[in-house]
Amino acid sequence: MVDLISNFFHSYVDQDTYEEVKDLKLIARKYVYKGWFFIDFISVFPFKWFISSNKTTLTKLLRLLRLPRLIKLIDISRFKKLIKSFGGSNESRDEKIVA
């Protein structure tokens, strides 16, 4: 929740002018329309308050909506290296496990 709120106050560099934008309206507009606001909001929304406890399957399915937020936490370059290490290469199975 803190991350969601703090993203409304972080300045950014304009792509055209390379100047730092500190106007809160412009920051909010960029975060909501071009940023991760929707994914951040879904990830912190308290679904369990609105769904009865008898519907545990539905609750578990709604938790899946939080998964896209993990993309921000994963270093993509490390993930690509990990995928390549399991892919087809000339290394033996033991060398892949060590890697």
N, C-alpha and C. Protein backbone atom coordinates (compact mmCIF):
# COMPACT_ATOMS: atom_id res chain seq x y z
N MET A 1 0.82 -1.19 0.00
CA MET A 1 0.00 0.00 0.00
C MET A 1 0.87 1.26 0.00
N VAL A 2 1.99 1.19 0.73
CA VAL A 2 2.90 2.33 0.78
C VAL A 2 3.49 2.60 -0.61
N ASP A 3 3.83 1.53 -1.32
CA ASP A 3 4.38 1.68 -2.67
C ASP A 3 3.36 2.33 -3.59
N LEU A 4 2.11 1.93 -3.49
CA LEU A 4 1.05 2.50 -4.31
C LEU A 4 0.95 4.00 -4.08
N ILE A 5 0.95 4.41 -2.84
CA ILE A 5 0.82 5.83 -2.50
C ILE A 5 2.08 6.61 -2.88
N SER A 6 3.24 6.02 -2.59
CA SER A 6 4.48 6.75 -2.86
C SER A 6 4.72 6.98 -4.35
N ASN A 7 4.17 6.14 -5.20
CA ASN A 7 4.34 6.33 -6.65
C ASN A 7 3.66 7.60 -7.15
N PHE A 8 2.73 8.14 -6.39
CA PHE A 8 2.09 9.40 -6.77
C PHE A 8 2.98 10.61 -6.46
N PHE A 9 4.08 10.40 -5.74
CA PHE A 9 4.94 11.52 -5.34
C PHE A 9 6.35 11.43 -5.93
N HIS A 10 6.67 10.38 -6.67
CA HIS A 10 8.00 10.24 -7.26
C HIS A 10 8.05 10.97 -8.60
N SER A 11 8.99 11.88 -8.70
CA SER A 11 9.14 12.61 -9.96
C SER A 11 9.70 11.68 -11.03
N TYR A 12 9.60 12.10 -12.26
CA TYR A 12 10.13 11.33 -13.38
C TYR A 12 10.74 12.28 -14.39
N VAL A 13 11.53 11.73 -15.30
CA VAL A 13 12.18 12.53 -16.34
C VAL A 13 11.35 12.45 -17.61
N ASP A 14 10.98 13.62 -18.13
CA ASP A 14 10.21 13.68 -19.37
C ASP A 14 11.05 13.17 -20.53
N GLN A 15 10.46 12.32 -21.37
CA GLN A 15 11.19 11.70 -22.48
C GLN A 15 11.56 12.71 -23.56
N ASP A 16 10.77 13.75 -23.73
CA ASP A 16 11.03 14.72 -24.80
C ASP A 16 12.03 15.81 -24.38
N THR A 17 11.84 16.36 -23.19
CA THR A 17 12.67 17.49 -22.77
C THR A 17 13.80 17.09 -21.82
N TYR A 18 13.78 15.88 -21.32
CA TYR A 18 14.77 15.38 -20.35
C TYR A 18 14.83 16.22 -19.09
N GLU A 19 13.71 16.84 -18.76
CA GLU A 19 13.60 17.61 -17.52
C GLU A 19 12.83 16.81 -16.49
N GLU A 20 13.16 17.03 -15.24
CA GLU A 20 12.48 16.33 -14.16
C GLU A 20 11.10 16.94 -13.94
N VAL A 21 10.07 16.11 -13.95
CA VAL A 21 8.70 16.56 -13.74
C VAL A 21 8.34 16.36 -12.28
N LYS A 22 7.97 17.46 -11.61
CA LYS A 22 7.63 17.42 -10.20
C LYS A 22 6.17 17.78 -9.92
N ASP A 23 5.43 18.10 -10.97
CA ASP A 23 4.03 18.47 -10.82
C ASP A 23 3.23 17.22 -10.46
N LEU A 24 2.53 17.26 -9.31
CA LEU A 24 1.82 16.08 -8.81
C LEU A 24 0.72 15.62 -9.75
N LYS A 25 0.06 16.55 -10.44
CA LYS A 25 -0.99 16.16 -11.38
C LYS A 25 -0.42 15.37 -12.55
N LEU A 26 0.71 15.83 -13.07
CA LEU A 26 1.34 15.13 -14.19
C LEU A 26 1.90 13.77 -13.75
N ILE A 27 2.45 13.72 -12.55
CA ILE A 27 2.95 12.44 -12.03
C ILE A 27 1.81 11.45 -11.87
N ALA A 28 0.71 11.90 -11.29
CA ALA A 28 -0.45 11.02 -11.09
C ALA A 28 -1.02 10.57 -12.43
N ARG A 29 -1.12 11.46 -13.37
CA ARG A 29 -1.67 11.12 -14.69
C ARG A 29 -0.80 10.05 -15.37
N LYS A 30 0.51 10.24 -15.31
CA LYS A 30 1.39 9.25 -15.94
C LYS A 30 1.31 7.91 -15.22
N TYR A 31 1.28 7.90 -13.90
CA TYR A 31 1.21 6.66 -13.13
C TYR A 31 -0.08 5.90 -13.39
N VAL A 32 -1.19 6.61 -13.47
CA VAL A 32 -2.48 5.96 -13.66
C VAL A 32 -2.66 5.49 -15.10
N TYR A 33 -2.34 6.32 -16.07
CA TYR A 33 -2.62 5.98 -17.46
C TYR A 33 -1.51 5.20 -18.15
N LYS A 34 -0.25 5.42 -17.77
CA LYS A 34 0.85 4.76 -18.47
C LYS A 34 1.71 3.91 -17.55
N GLY A 35 1.39 3.86 -16.28
CA GLY A 35 2.22 3.15 -15.33
C GLY A 35 1.59 1.86 -14.83
N TRP A 36 1.96 1.51 -13.63
CA TRP A 36 1.56 0.23 -13.03
C TRP A 36 0.42 0.39 -12.04
N PHE A 37 -0.32 1.49 -12.09
CA PHE A 37 -1.33 1.75 -11.07
C PHE A 37 -2.35 0.61 -10.96
N PHE A 38 -2.88 0.16 -12.08
CA PHE A 38 -3.92 -0.87 -12.04
C PHE A 38 -3.40 -2.14 -11.39
N ILE A 39 -2.21 -2.57 -11.76
CA ILE A 39 -1.64 -3.79 -11.19
C ILE A 39 -1.33 -3.59 -9.71
N ASP A 40 -0.80 -2.42 -9.35
CA ASP A 40 -0.53 -2.14 -7.94
C ASP A 40 -1.81 -2.12 -7.12
N PHE A 41 -2.86 -1.53 -7.68
CA PHE A 41 -4.13 -1.45 -6.97
C PHE A 41 -4.74 -2.83 -6.74
N ILE A 42 -4.74 -3.65 -7.78
CA ILE A 42 -5.28 -5.01 -7.66
C ILE A 42 -4.50 -5.81 -6.63
N SER A 43 -3.19 -5.59 -6.57
CA SER A 43 -2.35 -6.38 -5.67
C SER A 43 -2.57 -6.03 -4.20
N VAL A 44 -3.03 -4.82 -3.91
CA VAL A 44 -3.22 -4.44 -2.50
C VAL A 44 -4.69 -4.35 -2.10
N PHE A 45 -5.60 -4.54 -3.04
CA PHE A 45 -7.02 -4.44 -2.73
C PHE A 45 -7.44 -5.58 -1.80
N PRO A 46 -8.13 -5.29 -0.70
CA PRO A 46 -8.50 -6.33 0.27
C PRO A 46 -9.76 -7.11 -0.17
N PHE A 47 -9.57 -8.04 -1.10
CA PHE A 47 -10.71 -8.81 -1.61
C PHE A 47 -11.41 -9.60 -0.53
N LYS A 48 -10.67 -10.07 0.46
CA LYS A 48 -11.28 -10.93 1.48
C LYS A 48 -12.32 -10.19 2.32
N TRP A 49 -12.28 -8.87 2.35
CA TRP A 49 -13.30 -8.12 3.07
C TRP A 49 -14.64 -8.16 2.36
N PHE A 50 -14.62 -8.35 1.05
CA PHE A 50 -15.84 -8.29 0.24
C PHE A 50 -16.36 -9.66 -0.17
N ILE A 51 -15.60 -10.69 0.10
CA ILE A 51 -16.00 -12.04 -0.27
C ILE A 51 -16.15 -12.86 0.99
N SER A 52 -17.24 -13.60 1.08
CA SER A 52 -17.46 -14.41 2.29
C SER A 52 -16.41 -15.50 2.39
N SER A 53 -16.16 -15.98 3.59
CA SER A 53 -15.12 -16.98 3.82
C SER A 53 -15.49 -18.35 3.27
N ASN A 54 -16.76 -18.58 2.92
CA ASN A 54 -17.17 -19.87 2.37
C ASN A 54 -16.69 -20.07 0.94
N LYS A 55 -16.35 -19.01 0.26
CA LYS A 55 -15.95 -19.09 -1.15
C LYS A 55 -14.43 -19.06 -1.26
N THR A 56 -13.77 -20.04 -0.68
CA THR A 56 -12.30 -20.03 -0.66
C THR A 56 -11.72 -20.22 -2.05
N THR A 57 -12.37 -20.95 -2.92
CA THR A 57 -11.84 -21.15 -4.27
C THR A 57 -11.82 -19.84 -5.02
N LEU A 58 -12.88 -19.07 -4.91
CA LEU A 58 -12.92 -17.77 -5.58
C LEU A 58 -11.85 -16.84 -5.01
N THR A 59 -11.66 -16.88 -3.72
CA THR A 59 -10.64 -16.06 -3.09
C THR A 59 -9.25 -16.43 -3.61
N LYS A 60 -8.98 -17.72 -3.75
CA LYS A 60 -7.68 -18.15 -4.26
C LYS A 60 -7.49 -17.71 -5.71
N LEU A 61 -8.55 -17.76 -6.49
CA LEU A 61 -8.45 -17.32 -7.87
C LEU A 61 -8.19 -15.81 -7.96
N LEU A 62 -8.82 -15.06 -7.08
CA LEU A 62 -8.61 -13.62 -7.09
C LEU A 62 -7.19 -13.25 -6.66
N ARG A 63 -6.56 -14.10 -5.86
CA ARG A 63 -5.18 -13.85 -5.46
C ARG A 63 -4.24 -13.94 -6.66
N LEU A 64 -4.63 -14.67 -7.67
CA LEU A 64 -3.81 -14.77 -8.88
C LEU A 64 -3.65 -13.42 -9.57
N LEU A 65 -4.59 -12.52 -9.32
CA LEU A 65 -4.49 -11.19 -9.92
C LEU A 65 -3.28 -10.42 -9.41
N ARG A 66 -2.73 -10.85 -8.28
CA ARG A 66 -1.56 -10.18 -7.73
C ARG A 66 -0.27 -10.57 -8.44
N LEU A 67 -0.28 -11.65 -9.18
CA LEU A 67 0.95 -12.15 -9.81
C LEU A 67 1.65 -11.17 -10.73
N PRO A 68 0.95 -10.38 -11.53
CA PRO A 68 1.69 -9.45 -12.41
C PRO A 68 2.58 -8.48 -11.66
N ARG A 69 2.27 -8.20 -10.43
CA ARG A 69 3.10 -7.28 -9.63
C ARG A 69 4.50 -7.86 -9.41
N LEU A 70 4.61 -9.19 -9.45
CA LEU A 70 5.92 -9.81 -9.26
C LEU A 70 6.89 -9.46 -10.39
N ILE A 71 6.36 -9.08 -11.52
CA ILE A 71 7.21 -8.71 -12.65
C ILE A 71 8.13 -7.56 -12.25
N LYS A 72 7.61 -6.64 -11.45
CA LYS A 72 8.42 -5.52 -11.01
C LYS A 72 9.56 -5.97 -10.10
N LEU A 73 9.36 -7.06 -9.38
CA LEU A 73 10.34 -7.50 -8.41
C LEU A 73 11.43 -8.39 -9.02
N ILE A 74 11.15 -8.96 -10.16
CA ILE A 74 12.09 -9.89 -10.77
C ILE A 74 13.04 -9.12 -11.68
N ASP A 75 14.31 -9.40 -11.54
CA ASP A 75 15.30 -8.83 -12.45
C ASP A 75 15.23 -9.65 -13.74
N ILE A 76 14.77 -9.04 -14.81
CA ILE A 76 14.50 -9.74 -16.06
C ILE A 76 15.77 -10.38 -16.63
N SER A 77 16.90 -9.70 -16.52
CA SER A 77 18.13 -10.27 -17.08
C SER A 77 18.52 -11.56 -16.36
N ARG A 78 18.36 -11.59 -15.03
CA ARG A 78 18.67 -12.81 -14.29
C ARG A 78 17.68 -13.92 -14.65
N PHE A 79 16.45 -13.55 -14.87
CA PHE A 79 15.43 -14.54 -15.23
C PHE A 79 15.74 -15.15 -16.60
N LYS A 80 16.17 -14.32 -17.55
CA LYS A 80 16.52 -14.82 -18.87
C LYS A 80 17.70 -15.78 -18.79
N LYS A 81 18.70 -15.45 -17.97
CA LYS A 81 19.84 -16.33 -17.80
C LYS A 81 19.41 -17.67 -17.19
N LEU A 82 18.48 -17.62 -16.26
CA LEU A 82 17.98 -18.84 -15.64
C LEU A 82 17.27 -19.71 -16.65
N ILE A 83 16.44 -19.10 -17.49
CA ILE A 83 15.73 -19.86 -18.52
C ILE A 83 16.71 -20.47 -19.52
N LYS A 84 17.72 -19.69 -19.92
CA LYS A 84 18.71 -20.21 -20.85
C LYS A 84 19.50 -21.37 -20.25
N SER A 85 19.72 -21.32 -18.94
CA SER A 85 20.49 -22.40 -18.31
C SER A 85 19.73 -23.72 -18.34
N PHE A 86 18.42 -23.68 -18.39
CA PHE A 86 17.63 -24.91 -18.48
C PHE A 86 17.35 -25.32 -19.92
N GLY A 87 17.63 -24.43 -20.84
CA GLY A 87 17.38 -24.72 -22.26
C GLY A 87 18.43 -25.63 -22.84
N GLY A 88 18.26 -25.92 -24.12
CA GLY A 88 19.19 -26.81 -24.80
C GLY A 88 20.54 -26.16 -25.01
N SER A 89 21.57 -26.76 -24.50
CA SER A 89 22.94 -26.31 -24.72
C SER A 89 23.85 -27.52 -24.67
N ASN A 90 25.12 -27.29 -24.84
CA ASN A 90 26.08 -28.39 -24.88
C ASN A 90 26.52 -28.82 -23.48
N GLU A 91 26.04 -28.16 -22.45
CA GLU A 91 26.43 -28.52 -21.10
C GLU A 91 25.75 -29.82 -20.67
N SER A 92 26.42 -30.54 -19.80
CA SER A 92 25.80 -31.74 -19.27
C SER A 92 24.79 -31.37 -18.20
N ARG A 93 24.01 -32.31 -17.77
CA ARG A 93 22.97 -32.06 -16.78
C ARG A 93 23.59 -31.60 -15.47
N ASP A 94 24.72 -32.18 -15.06
CA ASP A 94 25.39 -31.78 -13.83
C ASP A 94 25.86 -30.33 -13.91
N GLU A 95 26.38 -29.92 -15.06
CA GLU A 95 26.84 -28.54 -15.22
C GLU A 95 25.67 -27.57 -15.15
N LYS A 96 24.52 -27.97 -15.68
CA LYS A 96 23.33 -27.12 -15.60
C LYS A 96 22.86 -26.96 -14.16
N ILE A 97 22.92 -28.04 -13.40
CA ILE A 97 22.50 -27.98 -12.00
C ILE A 97 23.42 -27.06 -11.21
N VAL A 98 24.70 -27.15 -11.46
CA VAL A 98 25.67 -26.29 -10.78
C VAL A 98 25.44 -24.84 -11.16
N ALA A 99 25.12 -24.59 -12.43
CA ALA A 99 24.87 -23.21 -12.87
C ALA A 99 23.64 -22.68 -12.20
